[in-house]
Amino acid sequence: MGDWQGNWTLDDGYDSGPLIAQVIALGKGKYRANFNADFEYGWPPLFVLEGGLEDAAAQFDGRAEFDGNVLDIQSGIKEGKFTGKFKGSAADGQALSGSFAMEKTIRLSPTLGAKPPAGAVVLFDGKSLDQWDPIKTKRGVDKIQWLLKDGVMEVKPRTSSIITKKKFGDVKLHLEFRTPFMPEARGQGRGNSGVYLQGRYEVQILDSFGLEGKDNECGGIYKVGKPVVNMCAPPTQWQTYDITFRAPRFDANGEKTKLATLTVEHNGVTIQDNVKPKGPTTAAPDRTEKGQGGIYLQDHGNPVRFRNIWLVELPPANP
């Protein structure tokens, strides 16, 4: 599982090039490998191979068709190496044969572990949940039941979401999160949570590693805008959101004059740039837009973890 990076080479030595794969665990010993020339190329992958465990190795065999090439591939992951051989024909009809080799790589966010600057509001430093309140539910929860251990807070599924006691307007928010390993889960049931600015505008959290990157997947502004690139890391790897939020503006009569604006950096890459939701996103606990609101973390039934949460309150810009 995870990111792999290396090169392919033709047997005649005439050509070679970069190759990456994102290997997704599907449960019950099954895997999917998305191949591409580079991580930045995103979706769709160049080709996809399905695989499974055989003799303590993950085997990926199959036919790949892309850019007019038709290749039969035998490959696998064993002893920390992802290697394979291919044979077939190029787009011009010429015979092709060669091999590839990749090693596991871990792409860490450059803002992982970022320290709050002077004047920042620390919302979670790993020691307590004193800055947060539970969202009242039909189950009558009046106390946060999330787990707190080793500097990390973890959603206790189906207890309650939480929201900051303090309300904020314009902010730059730093947050670190980690989705759980749930290989047999699919779609919205796989490491789901979310961070809602002002309790109204959701940036989705989901294990969508290796997927297309839709508006309801990791980095999406829920049902409003998909990320320009899917930067989701594999499950159990710590990730970052750095979100610049400008609150909506209102005139003296309470009429909205400007939409809220979000810019989102996911693992150091800008994936949402000045996106303007027309109103609160789906499932927002507070659907009445105002100039201020709390930071809300969602309990969506999965044990997502959080740490190192802080924000800087921004001076008004073009009020």
C-alpha atoms as a PDB file:
ATOM      1  CA  MET A   1       0.000   0.000   0.000  1.00  0.00           C
ATOM      2  CA  GLY A   2       1.097   3.592  -0.547  1.00  0.00           C
ATOM      3  CA  ASP A   3       3.259   5.527  -3.008  1.00  0.00           C
ATOM      4  CA  TRP A   4       5.934   3.893  -5.152  1.00  0.00           C
ATOM      5  CA  GLN A   5       8.445   5.593  -7.452  1.00  0.00           C
ATOM      6  CA  GLY A   6      11.074   4.427  -9.924  1.00  0.00           C
ATOM      7  CA  ASN A   7      11.738   3.903 -13.625  1.00  0.00           C
ATOM      8  CA  TRP A   8      10.930   1.709 -16.616  1.00  0.00           C
ATOM      9  CA  THR A   9      13.539   0.605 -19.167  1.00  0.00           C
ATOM     10  CA  LEU A  10      13.246  -1.087 -22.566  1.00  0.00           C
ATOM     11  CA  ASP A  11      15.190  -4.326 -22.994  1.00  0.00           C
ATOM     12  CA  ASP A  12      17.130  -2.895 -25.939  1.00  0.00           C
ATOM     13  CA  GLY A  13      18.191   0.067 -23.826  1.00  0.00           C
ATOM     14  CA  TYR A  14      16.789   2.484 -26.385  1.00  0.00           C
ATOM     15  CA  ASP A  15      14.480   4.300 -23.997  1.00  0.00           C
ATOM     16  CA  SER A  16      13.598   4.683 -20.329  1.00  0.00           C
ATOM     17  CA  GLY A  17      11.520   6.967 -18.157  1.00  0.00           C
ATOM     18  CA  PRO A  18       9.958   7.659 -14.765  1.00  0.00           C
ATOM     19  CA  LEU A  19       7.147   5.554 -13.312  1.00  0.00           C
ATOM     20  CA  ILE A  20       5.041   5.826 -10.167  1.00  0.00           C
ATOM     21  CA  ALA A  21       2.284   3.713  -8.661  1.00  0.00           C
ATOM     22  CA  GLN A  22      -0.285   4.322  -5.959  1.00  0.00           C
ATOM     23  CA  VAL A  23      -1.256   1.026  -4.353  1.00  0.00           C
ATOM     24  CA  ILE A  24      -4.655   0.944  -2.653  1.00  0.00           C
ATOM     25  CA  ALA A  25      -5.672  -1.769  -0.183  1.00  0.00           C
ATOM     26  CA  LEU A  26      -9.144  -3.145  -0.958  1.00  0.00           C
ATOM     27  CA  GLY A  27      -9.387  -5.709   1.839  1.00  0.00           C
ATOM     28  CA  LYS A  28      -9.284  -9.517   1.907  1.00  0.00           C
ATOM     29  CA  GLY A  29      -5.839  -9.558   0.313  1.00  0.00           C
ATOM     30  CA  LYS A  30      -6.877  -7.520  -2.724  1.00  0.00           C
ATOM     31  CA  TYR A  31      -5.132  -4.409  -4.049  1.00  0.00           C
ATOM     32  CA  ARG A  32      -5.333  -1.907  -6.879  1.00  0.00           C
ATOM     33  CA  ALA A  33      -2.292  -0.200  -8.400  1.00  0.00           C
ATOM     34  CA  ASN A  34      -2.695   3.067 -10.322  1.00  0.00           C
ATOM     35  CA  PHE A  35       0.315   3.705 -12.586  1.00  0.00           C
ATOM     36  CA  ASN A  36       1.455   7.045 -13.965  1.00  0.00           C
ATOM     37  CA  ALA A  37       4.572   8.866 -15.118  1.00  0.00           C
ATOM     38  CA  ASP A  38       4.590  11.229 -12.131  1.00  0.00           C
ATOM     39  CA  PHE A  39       2.525  12.010  -9.046  1.00  0.00           C
ATOM     40  CA  GLU A  40       1.654  15.464 -10.394  1.00  0.00           C
ATOM     41  CA  TYR A  41      -0.180  14.022 -13.410  1.00  0.00           C
ATOM     42  CA  GLY A  42      -3.130  13.102 -11.228  1.00  0.00           C
ATOM     43  CA  TRP A  43      -6.280  11.608 -12.672  1.00  0.00           C
ATOM     44  CA  PRO A  44      -6.850   9.501 -14.703  1.00  0.00           C
ATOM     45  CA  PRO A  45      -3.943   7.102 -14.207  1.00  0.00           C
ATOM     46  CA  LEU A  46      -2.025   5.871 -17.218  1.00  0.00           C
ATOM     47  CA  PHE A  47      -3.228   2.341 -16.485  1.00  0.00           C
ATOM     48  CA  VAL A  48      -4.559   0.279 -13.587  1.00  0.00           C
ATOM     49  CA  LEU A  49      -3.750  -3.270 -12.467  1.00  0.00           C
ATOM     50  CA  GLU A  50      -5.714  -5.304  -9.936  1.00  0.00           C
ATOM     51  CA  GLY A  51      -3.750  -7.612  -7.682  1.00  0.00           C
ATOM     52  CA  GLY A  52      -3.732  -9.915  -4.711  1.00  0.00           C
ATOM     53  CA  LEU A  53      -1.504 -11.753  -2.272  1.00  0.00           C
ATOM     54  CA  GLU A  54       0.348 -14.797  -3.601  1.00  0.00           C
ATOM     55  CA  ASP A  55       3.149 -16.526  -1.696  1.00  0.00           C
ATOM     56  CA  ALA A  56       3.745 -13.561   0.648  1.00  0.00           C
ATOM     57  CA  ALA A  57       3.912 -11.129  -2.275  1.00  0.00           C
ATOM     58  CA  ALA A  58       1.363  -8.795  -3.848  1.00  0.00           C
ATOM     59  CA  GLN A  59       1.053  -9.842  -7.483  1.00  0.00           C
ATOM     60  CA  PHE A  60      -0.189  -7.478 -10.213  1.00  0.00           C
ATOM     61  CA  ASP A  61      -0.599  -9.116 -13.618  1.00  0.00           C
ATOM     62  CA  GLY A  62      -2.697  -7.939 -16.514  1.00  0.00           C
ATOM     63  CA  ARG A  63      -2.977  -6.012 -19.763  1.00  0.00           C
ATOM     64  CA  ALA A  64      -2.357  -2.272 -19.974  1.00  0.00           C
ATOM     65  CA  GLU A  65      -3.617  -0.204 -22.895  1.00  0.00           C
ATOM     66  CA  PHE A  66      -2.642   3.471 -23.065  1.00  0.00           C
ATOM     67  CA  ASP A  67      -1.584   5.994 -25.734  1.00  0.00           C
ATOM     68  CA  GLY A  68      -1.892   3.282 -28.378  1.00  0.00           C
ATOM     69  CA  ASN A  69       0.431   0.913 -26.518  1.00  0.00           C
ATOM     70  CA  VAL A  70      -0.757  -2.590 -25.616  1.00  0.00           C
ATOM     71  CA  LEU A  71       1.329  -4.323 -22.952  1.00  0.00           C
ATOM     72  CA  ASP A  72       1.021  -7.555 -21.020  1.00  0.00           C
ATOM     73  CA  ILE A  73       2.517  -7.043 -17.583  1.00  0.00           C
ATOM     74  CA  GLN A  74       3.705  -9.381 -14.859  1.00  0.00           C
ATOM     75  CA  SER A  75       4.689  -7.577 -11.679  1.00  0.00           C
ATOM     76  CA  GLY A  76       4.664  -7.743  -7.918  1.00  0.00           C
ATOM     77  CA  ILE A  77       5.746  -6.297  -4.597  1.00  0.00           C
ATOM     78  CA  LYS A  78       8.167  -8.371  -2.576  1.00  0.00           C
ATOM     79  CA  GLU A  79      10.838  -7.549   0.001  1.00  0.00           C
ATOM     80  CA  GLY A  80      10.272  -3.802  -0.343  1.00  0.00           C
ATOM     81  CA  LYS A  81      10.555  -3.686  -4.143  1.00  0.00           C
ATOM     82  CA  PHE A  82       7.858  -3.268  -6.797  1.00  0.00           C
ATOM     83  CA  THR A  83       9.251  -4.851  -9.958  1.00  0.00           C
ATOM     84  CA  GLY A  84       7.812  -6.074 -13.208  1.00  0.00           C
ATOM     85  CA  LYS A  85       8.274  -7.062 -16.826  1.00  0.00           C
ATOM     86  CA  PHE A  86       6.203  -6.009 -19.820  1.00  0.00           C
ATOM     87  CA  LYS A  87       5.864  -7.153 -23.408  1.00  0.00           C
ATOM     88  CA  GLY A  88       3.632  -5.996 -26.239  1.00  0.00           C
ATOM     89  CA  SER A  89       3.386  -3.444 -29.006  1.00  0.00           C
ATOM     90  CA  ALA A  90       3.778   0.315 -29.319  1.00  0.00           C
ATOM     91  CA  ALA A  91       1.328   2.653 -31.041  1.00  0.00           C
ATOM     92  CA  ASP A  92       3.343   2.386 -34.271  1.00  0.00           C
ATOM     93  CA  GLY A  93       3.134  -1.412 -34.224  1.00  0.00           C
ATOM     94  CA  GLN A  94       6.724  -1.973 -33.121  1.00  0.00           C
ATOM     95  CA  ALA A  95       7.339  -4.721 -30.573  1.00  0.00           C
ATOM     96  CA  LEU A  96       8.090  -3.568 -27.034  1.00  0.00           C
ATOM     97  CA  SER A  97       9.574  -5.366 -24.067  1.00  0.00           C
ATOM     98  CA  GLY A  98      11.177  -4.162 -20.901  1.00  0.00           C
ATOM     99  CA  SER A  99      11.073  -3.979 -17.139  1.00  0.00           C
ATOM    100  CA  PHE A 100      10.463  -1.567 -14.292  1.00  0.00           C
ATOM    101  CA  ALA A 101      11.520  -1.194 -10.685  1.00  0.00           C
ATOM    102  CA  MET A 102      10.128   1.062  -7.960  1.00  0.00           C
ATOM    103  CA  GLU A 103      10.704   1.653  -4.271  1.00  0.00           C
ATOM    104  CA  LYS A 104       8.329   2.853  -1.574  1.00  0.00           C
ATOM    105  CA  THR A 105       8.316   6.603  -1.070  1.00  0.00           C
ATOM    106  CA  ILE A 106       6.618   8.693   1.607  1.00  0.00           C
ATOM    107  CA  ARG A 107       5.633  12.215   0.571  1.00  0.00           C
ATOM    108  CA  LEU A 108       5.311  14.267   3.741  1.00  0.00           C
ATOM    109  CA  SER A 109       3.625  17.646   3.923  1.00  0.00           C
ATOM    110  CA  PRO A 110       6.120  20.524   4.242  1.00  0.00           C
ATOM    111  CA  THR A 111       3.870  22.101   6.908  1.00  0.00           C
ATOM    112  CA  LEU A 112       3.655  18.976   9.064  1.00  0.00           C
ATOM    113  CA  GLY A 113       4.459  19.952  12.636  1.00  0.00           C
ATOM    114  CA  ALA A 114       4.255  23.693  11.904  1.00  0.00           C
ATOM    115  CA  LYS A 115       4.567  25.763  15.071  1.00  0.00           C
ATOM    116  CA  PRO A 116       1.917  28.369  15.888  1.00  0.00           C
ATOM    117  CA  PRO A 117       3.367  31.865  15.420  1.00  0.00           C
ATOM    118  CA  ALA A 118       3.247  34.558  18.068  1.00  0.00           C
ATOM    119  CA  GLY A 119      -0.310  35.698  18.614  1.00  0.00           C
ATOM    120  CA  ALA A 120      -1.877  32.506  17.246  1.00  0.00           C
ATOM    121  CA  VAL A 121      -4.888  30.916  18.929  1.00  0.00           C
ATOM    122  CA  VAL A 122      -3.995  27.333  19.858  1.00  0.00           C
ATOM    123  CA  LEU A 123      -7.096  25.152  19.580  1.00  0.00           C
ATOM    124  CA  PHE A 124      -5.451  21.803  20.320  1.00  0.00           C
ATOM    125  CA  ASP A 125      -1.925  21.301  21.622  1.00  0.00           C
ATOM    126  CA  GLY A 126      -2.295  17.628  22.464  1.00  0.00           C
ATOM    127  CA  LYS A 127      -2.929  18.179  26.166  1.00  0.00           C
ATOM    128  CA  SER A 128      -6.635  18.882  26.552  1.00  0.00           C
ATOM    129  CA  LEU A 129      -9.934  19.520  24.800  1.00  0.00           C
ATOM    130  CA  ASP A 130     -10.650  22.618  26.878  1.00  0.00           C
ATOM    131  CA  GLN A 131     -11.122  24.797  23.781  1.00  0.00           C
ATOM    132  CA  TRP A 132     -13.967  22.625  22.465  1.00  0.00           C
ATOM    133  CA  ASP A 133     -17.604  21.806  23.173  1.00  0.00           C
ATOM    134  CA  PRO A 134     -19.633  18.812  21.977  1.00  0.00           C
ATOM    135  CA  ILE A 135     -22.460  19.359  19.529  1.00  0.00           C
ATOM    136  CA  LYS A 136     -25.693  18.410  21.246  1.00  0.00           C
ATOM    137  CA  THR A 137     -27.309  15.338  19.680  1.00  0.00           C
ATOM    138  CA  LYS A 138     -30.484  13.333  20.070  1.00  0.00           C
ATOM    139  CA  ARG A 139     -28.433  10.977  22.243  1.00  0.00           C
ATOM    140  CA  GLY A 140     -28.131  13.748  24.810  1.00  0.00           C
ATOM    141  CA  VAL A 141     -24.327  14.017  24.739  1.00  0.00           C
ATOM    142  CA  ASP A 142     -23.194  16.874  26.984  1.00  0.00           C
ATOM    143  CA  LYS A 143     -19.513  15.963  27.302  1.00  0.00           C
ATOM    144  CA  ILE A 144     -16.833  15.319  24.676  1.00  0.00           C
ATOM    145  CA  GLN A 145     -16.177  11.580  24.462  1.00  0.00           C
ATOM    146  CA  TRP A 146     -13.407  11.687  21.864  1.00  0.00           C
ATOM    147  CA  LEU A 147     -10.219   9.881  22.871  1.00  0.00           C
ATOM    148  CA  LEU A 148      -7.164  11.849  23.979  1.00  0.00           C
ATOM    149  CA  LYS A 149      -3.836  10.031  24.024  1.00  0.00           C
ATOM    150  CA  ASP A 150      -0.203  10.728  23.136  1.00  0.00           C
ATOM    151  CA  GLY A 151      -0.913  14.276  21.978  1.00  0.00           C
ATOM    152  CA  VAL A 152      -3.653  13.197  19.587  1.00  0.00           C
ATOM    153  CA  MET A 153      -7.432  13.388  19.695  1.00  0.00           C
ATOM    154  CA  GLU A 154      -9.466  10.700  17.959  1.00  0.00           C
ATOM    155  CA  VAL A 155     -13.115  10.706  16.993  1.00  0.00           C
ATOM    156  CA  LYS A 156     -15.091   8.278  19.121  1.00  0.00           C
ATOM    157  CA  PRO A 157     -17.570   7.188  16.462  1.00  0.00           C
ATOM    158  CA  ARG A 158     -21.217   8.083  16.866  1.00  0.00           C
ATOM    159  CA  THR A 159     -20.825  10.210  19.980  1.00  0.00           C
ATOM    160  CA  SER A 160     -20.850  13.810  18.749  1.00  0.00           C
ATOM    161  CA  SER A 161     -19.028  16.305  16.597  1.00  0.00           C
ATOM    162  CA  ILE A 162     -17.151  19.091  18.381  1.00  0.00           C
ATOM    163  CA  ILE A 163     -16.883  22.864  17.915  1.00  0.00           C
ATOM    164  CA  THR A 164     -14.622  25.530  19.373  1.00  0.00           C
ATOM    165  CA  LYS A 165     -15.972  27.546  22.252  1.00  0.00           C
ATOM    166  CA  LYS A 166     -14.655  30.724  20.664  1.00  0.00           C
ATOM    167  CA  LYS A 167     -16.086  32.142  17.442  1.00  0.00           C
ATOM    168  CA  PHE A 168     -13.943  33.525  14.637  1.00  0.00           C
ATOM    169  CA  GLY A 169     -14.229  35.624  11.493  1.00  0.00           C
ATOM    170  CA  ASP A 170     -11.338  35.764   9.004  1.00  0.00           C
ATOM    171  CA  VAL A 171      -8.660  33.189   9.861  1.00  0.00           C
ATOM    172  CA  LYS A 172      -5.741  31.141   8.624  1.00  0.00           C
ATOM    173  CA  LEU A 173      -6.186  27.664  10.104  1.00  0.00           C
ATOM    174  CA  HIS A 174      -3.571  24.923  10.443  1.00  0.00           C
ATOM    175  CA  LEU A 175      -4.814  21.408  11.161  1.00  0.00           C
ATOM    176  CA  GLU A 176      -3.229  17.943  11.007  1.00  0.00           C
ATOM    177  CA  PHE A 177      -5.283  14.789  10.512  1.00  0.00           C
ATOM    178  CA  ARG A 178      -4.855  11.063   9.979  1.00  0.00           C
ATOM    179  CA  THR A 179      -7.422   8.751   8.396  1.00  0.00           C
ATOM    180  CA  PRO A 180      -7.730   5.165   9.692  1.00  0.00           C
ATOM    181  CA  PHE A 181      -6.908   2.010   7.736  1.00  0.00           C
ATOM    182  CA  MET A 182     -10.302   0.691   6.591  1.00  0.00           C
ATOM    183  CA  PRO A 183      -9.489  -1.413   3.494  1.00  0.00           C
ATOM    184  CA  GLU A 184     -12.894  -3.039   3.166  1.00  0.00           C
ATOM    185  CA  ALA A 185     -14.810   0.244   3.432  1.00  0.00           C
ATOM    186  CA  ARG A 186     -15.793   2.164   0.324  1.00  0.00           C
ATOM    187  CA  GLY A 187     -16.788   5.683  -0.618  1.00  0.00           C
ATOM    188  CA  GLN A 188     -18.037   7.926   2.178  1.00  0.00           C
ATOM    189  CA  GLY A 189     -17.576   5.140   4.727  1.00  0.00           C
ATOM    190  CA  ARG A 190     -13.784   5.155   4.467  1.00  0.00           C
ATOM    191  CA  GLY A 191     -12.121   7.488   6.979  1.00  0.00           C
ATOM    192  CA  ASN A 192     -14.782  10.190   6.824  1.00  0.00           C
ATOM    193  CA  SER A 193     -14.730  13.433   8.793  1.00  0.00           C
ATOM    194  CA  GLY A 194     -14.612  17.115   7.945  1.00  0.00           C
ATOM    195  CA  VAL A 195     -13.558  20.534   9.157  1.00  0.00           C
ATOM    196  CA  TYR A 196     -16.228  23.220   8.933  1.00  0.00           C
ATOM    197  CA  LEU A 197     -15.156  26.844   8.968  1.00  0.00           C
ATOM    198  CA  GLN A 198     -17.611  28.761  11.176  1.00  0.00           C
ATOM    199  CA  GLY A 199     -19.530  25.481  11.484  1.00  0.00           C
ATOM    200  CA  ARG A 200     -20.893  26.205   7.989  1.00  0.00           C
ATOM    201  CA  TYR A 201     -18.395  25.548   5.186  1.00  0.00           C
ATOM    202  CA  GLU A 202     -16.943  22.030   5.043  1.00  0.00           C
ATOM    203  CA  VAL A 203     -13.572  20.939   3.756  1.00  0.00           C
ATOM    204  CA  GLN A 204     -14.006  17.187   3.466  1.00  0.00           C
ATOM    205  CA  ILE A 205     -11.733  14.655   5.157  1.00  0.00           C
ATOM    206  CA  LEU A 206     -11.807  11.166   3.632  1.00  0.00           C
ATOM    207  CA  ASP A 207      -9.491   8.316   2.721  1.00  0.00           C
ATOM    208  CA  SER A 208      -9.602   8.980  -1.011  1.00  0.00           C
ATOM    209  CA  PHE A 209      -5.973   8.035  -1.641  1.00  0.00           C
ATOM    210  CA  GLY A 210      -5.535   7.160  -5.319  1.00  0.00           C
ATOM    211  CA  LEU A 211      -9.037   8.263  -6.310  1.00  0.00           C
ATOM    212  CA  GLU A 212     -10.209  10.939  -8.739  1.00  0.00           C
ATOM    213  CA  GLY A 213     -10.563  13.776  -6.251  1.00  0.00           C
ATOM    214  CA  LYS A 214     -14.242  14.765  -6.310  1.00  0.00           C
ATOM    215  CA  ASP A 215     -16.034  17.487  -4.373  1.00  0.00           C
ATOM    216  CA  ASN A 216     -17.094  14.938  -1.731  1.00  0.00           C
ATOM    217  CA  GLU A 217     -13.603  13.432  -1.397  1.00  0.00           C
ATOM    218  CA  CYS A 218     -10.584  14.593   0.575  1.00  0.00           C
ATOM    219  CA  GLY A 219      -9.854  18.256  -0.079  1.00  0.00           C
ATOM    220  CA  GLY A 220     -13.249  18.908  -1.610  1.00  0.00           C
ATOM    221  CA  ILE A 221     -15.357  21.817  -0.434  1.00  0.00           C
ATOM    222  CA  TYR A 222     -18.307  19.557   0.078  1.00  0.00           C
ATOM    223  CA  LYS A 223     -20.598  19.472  -2.967  1.00  0.00           C
ATOM    224  CA  VAL A 224     -19.224  22.869  -4.034  1.00  0.00           C
ATOM    225  CA  GLY A 225     -15.779  22.397  -5.558  1.00  0.00           C
ATOM    226  CA  LYS A 226     -13.433  19.500  -6.199  1.00  0.00           C
ATOM    227  CA  PRO A 227      -9.696  19.862  -5.498  1.00  0.00           C
ATOM    228  CA  VAL A 228      -7.594  20.792  -8.531  1.00  0.00           C
ATOM    229  CA  VAL A 229      -5.431  17.763  -7.709  1.00  0.00           C
ATOM    230  CA  ASN A 230      -5.964  14.881  -5.290  1.00  0.00           C
ATOM    231  CA  MET A 231      -3.240  15.303  -2.664  1.00  0.00           C
ATOM    232  CA  CYS A 232      -4.655  12.697  -0.274  1.00  0.00           C
ATOM    233  CA  ALA A 233      -1.960  10.617   1.407  1.00  0.00           C
ATOM    234  CA  PRO A 234      -2.396   6.920   2.249  1.00  0.00           C
ATOM    235  CA  PRO A 235      -4.397   6.058   5.371  1.00  0.00           C
ATOM    236  CA  THR A 236      -2.498   6.221   8.705  1.00  0.00           C
ATOM    237  CA  GLN A 237      -0.135   8.905   7.317  1.00  0.00           C
ATOM    238  CA  TRP A 238      -0.393  12.342   8.921  1.00  0.00           C
ATOM    239  CA  GLN A 239      -1.619  15.082   6.589  1.00  0.00           C
ATOM    240  CA  THR A 240      -2.131  18.843   6.759  1.00  0.00           C
ATOM    241  CA  TYR A 241      -4.736  21.411   5.859  1.00  0.00           C
ATOM    242  CA  ASP A 242      -3.731  25.064   5.788  1.00  0.00           C
ATOM    243  CA  ILE A 243      -6.916  27.002   5.126  1.00  0.00           C
ATOM    244  CA  THR A 244      -7.303  30.728   4.555  1.00  0.00           C
ATOM    245  CA  PHE A 245     -10.898  31.720   5.220  1.00  0.00           C
ATOM    246  CA  ARG A 246     -12.626  35.031   4.655  1.00  0.00           C
ATOM    247  CA  ALA A 247     -16.045  35.317   6.248  1.00  0.00           C
ATOM    248  CA  PRO A 248     -19.072  36.576   4.326  1.00  0.00           C
ATOM    249  CA  ARG A 249     -19.795  40.299   4.580  1.00  0.00           C
ATOM    250  CA  PHE A 250     -23.101  41.932   5.472  1.00  0.00           C
ATOM    251  CA  ASP A 251     -24.479  45.460   5.231  1.00  0.00           C
ATOM    252  CA  ALA A 252     -26.171  47.417   8.010  1.00  0.00           C
ATOM    253  CA  ASN A 253     -29.476  45.680   7.247  1.00  0.00           C
ATOM    254  CA  GLY A 254     -27.955  42.220   7.558  1.00  0.00           C
ATOM    255  CA  GLU A 255     -28.000  41.577   3.808  1.00  0.00           C
ATOM    256  CA  LYS A 256     -25.053  39.564   2.503  1.00  0.00           C
ATOM    257  CA  THR A 257     -22.812  41.685   0.295  1.00  0.00           C
ATOM    258  CA  LYS A 258     -19.902  39.255  -0.197  1.00  0.00           C
ATOM    259  CA  LEU A 259     -19.640  35.481  -0.200  1.00  0.00           C
ATOM    260  CA  ALA A 260     -17.351  33.523   2.103  1.00  0.00           C
ATOM    261  CA  THR A 261     -14.016  32.630   0.486  1.00  0.00           C
ATOM    262  CA  LEU A 262     -11.781  29.595   1.066  1.00  0.00           C
ATOM    263  CA  THR A 263      -8.263  28.827  -0.106  1.00  0.00           C
ATOM    264  CA  VAL A 264      -7.076  25.351   0.895  1.00  0.00           C
ATOM    265  CA  GLU A 265      -3.557  23.929   0.886  1.00  0.00           C
ATOM    266  CA  HIS A 266      -3.531  20.145   1.294  1.00  0.00           C
ATOM    267  CA  ASN A 267      -0.145  18.715   2.195  1.00  0.00           C
ATOM    268  CA  GLY A 268       1.484  21.943   1.025  1.00  0.00           C
ATOM    269  CA  VAL A 269      -0.250  22.176  -2.370  1.00  0.00           C
ATOM    270  CA  THR A 270      -2.998  24.693  -3.163  1.00  0.00           C
ATOM    271  CA  ILE A 271      -6.011  22.597  -4.140  1.00  0.00           C
ATOM    272  CA  GLN A 272      -8.770  25.220  -3.696  1.00  0.00           C
ATOM    273  CA  ASP A 273      -8.103  28.830  -4.685  1.00  0.00           C
ATOM    274  CA  ASN A 274     -10.516  31.540  -3.533  1.00  0.00           C
ATOM    275  CA  VAL A 275     -13.578  29.322  -3.818  1.00  0.00           C
ATOM    276  CA  LYS A 276     -16.814  31.102  -2.898  1.00  0.00           C
ATOM    277  CA  PRO A 277     -19.634  28.863  -1.623  1.00  0.00           C
ATOM    278  CA  LYS A 278     -23.034  30.464  -2.142  1.00  0.00           C
ATOM    279  CA  GLY A 279     -24.025  29.387   1.353  1.00  0.00           C
ATOM    280  CA  PRO A 280     -23.392  26.741   4.022  1.00  0.00           C
ATOM    281  CA  THR A 281     -22.412  23.347   2.628  1.00  0.00           C
ATOM    282  CA  THR A 282     -24.421  20.136   3.004  1.00  0.00           C
ATOM    283  CA  ALA A 283     -24.750  18.869   6.606  1.00  0.00           C
ATOM    284  CA  ALA A 284     -23.542  22.132   8.138  1.00  0.00           C
ATOM    285  CA  PRO A 285     -24.821  22.279  11.732  1.00  0.00           C
ATOM    286  CA  ASP A 286     -25.417  26.031  11.413  1.00  0.00           C
ATOM    287  CA  ARG A 287     -27.125  27.131   8.201  1.00  0.00           C
ATOM    288  CA  THR A 288     -27.514  30.793   9.164  1.00  0.00           C
ATOM    289  CA  GLU A 289     -24.595  32.767   7.751  1.00  0.00           C
ATOM    290  CA  LYS A 290     -22.954  35.280  10.070  1.00  0.00           C
ATOM    291  CA  GLY A 291     -19.698  37.140  10.383  1.00  0.00           C
ATOM    292  CA  GLN A 292     -18.338  34.727  12.985  1.00  0.00           C
ATOM    293  CA  GLY A 293     -18.581  31.086  13.973  1.00  0.00           C
ATOM    294  CA  GLY A 294     -16.674  28.216  15.551  1.00  0.00           C
ATOM    295  CA  ILE A 295     -14.314  25.668  14.003  1.00  0.00           C
ATOM    296  CA  TYR A 296     -16.252  22.391  13.803  1.00  0.00           C
ATOM    297  CA  LEU A 297     -14.779  18.880  13.520  1.00  0.00           C
ATOM    298  CA  GLN A 298     -17.174  16.197  12.353  1.00  0.00           C
ATOM    299  CA  ASP A 299     -17.959  12.807  13.841  1.00  0.00           C
ATOM    300  CA  HIS A 300     -19.006  10.852  10.746  1.00  0.00           C
ATOM    301  CA  GLY A 301     -18.675   7.448  12.388  1.00  0.00           C
ATOM    302  CA  ASN A 302     -14.978   6.798  11.674  1.00  0.00           C
ATOM    303  CA  PRO A 303     -12.001   7.070  14.089  1.00  0.00           C
ATOM    304  CA  VAL A 304     -10.168   9.929  12.357  1.00  0.00           C
ATOM    305  CA  ARG A 305      -7.346  11.505  14.383  1.00  0.00           C
ATOM    306  CA  PHE A 306      -6.337  15.165  14.791  1.00  0.00           C
ATOM    307  CA  ARG A 307      -3.394  17.054  16.251  1.00  0.00           C
ATOM    308  CA  ASN A 308      -1.609  20.433  16.167  1.00  0.00           C
ATOM    309  CA  ILE A 309      -4.612  22.666  15.490  1.00  0.00           C
ATOM    310  CA  TRP A 310      -4.157  26.435  15.624  1.00  0.00           C
ATOM    311  CA  LEU A 311      -5.200  29.544  13.774  1.00  0.00           C
ATOM    312  CA  VAL A 312      -4.212  33.131  13.178  1.00  0.00           C
ATOM    313  CA  GLU A 313      -7.006  35.685  13.189  1.00  0.00           C
ATOM    314  CA  LEU A 314      -6.664  37.862  10.092  1.00  0.00           C
ATOM    315  CA  PRO A 315      -7.372  41.580   9.860  1.00  0.00           C
ATOM    316  CA  PRO A 316     -10.393  42.420   7.698  1.00  0.00           C
ATOM    317  CA  ALA A 317      -9.675  42.551   3.971  1.00  0.00           C
ATOM    318  CA  ASN A 318     -12.010  44.614   1.789  1.00  0.00           C
ATOM    319  CA  PRO A 319     -14.838  44.503   4.335  1.00  0.00           C
END
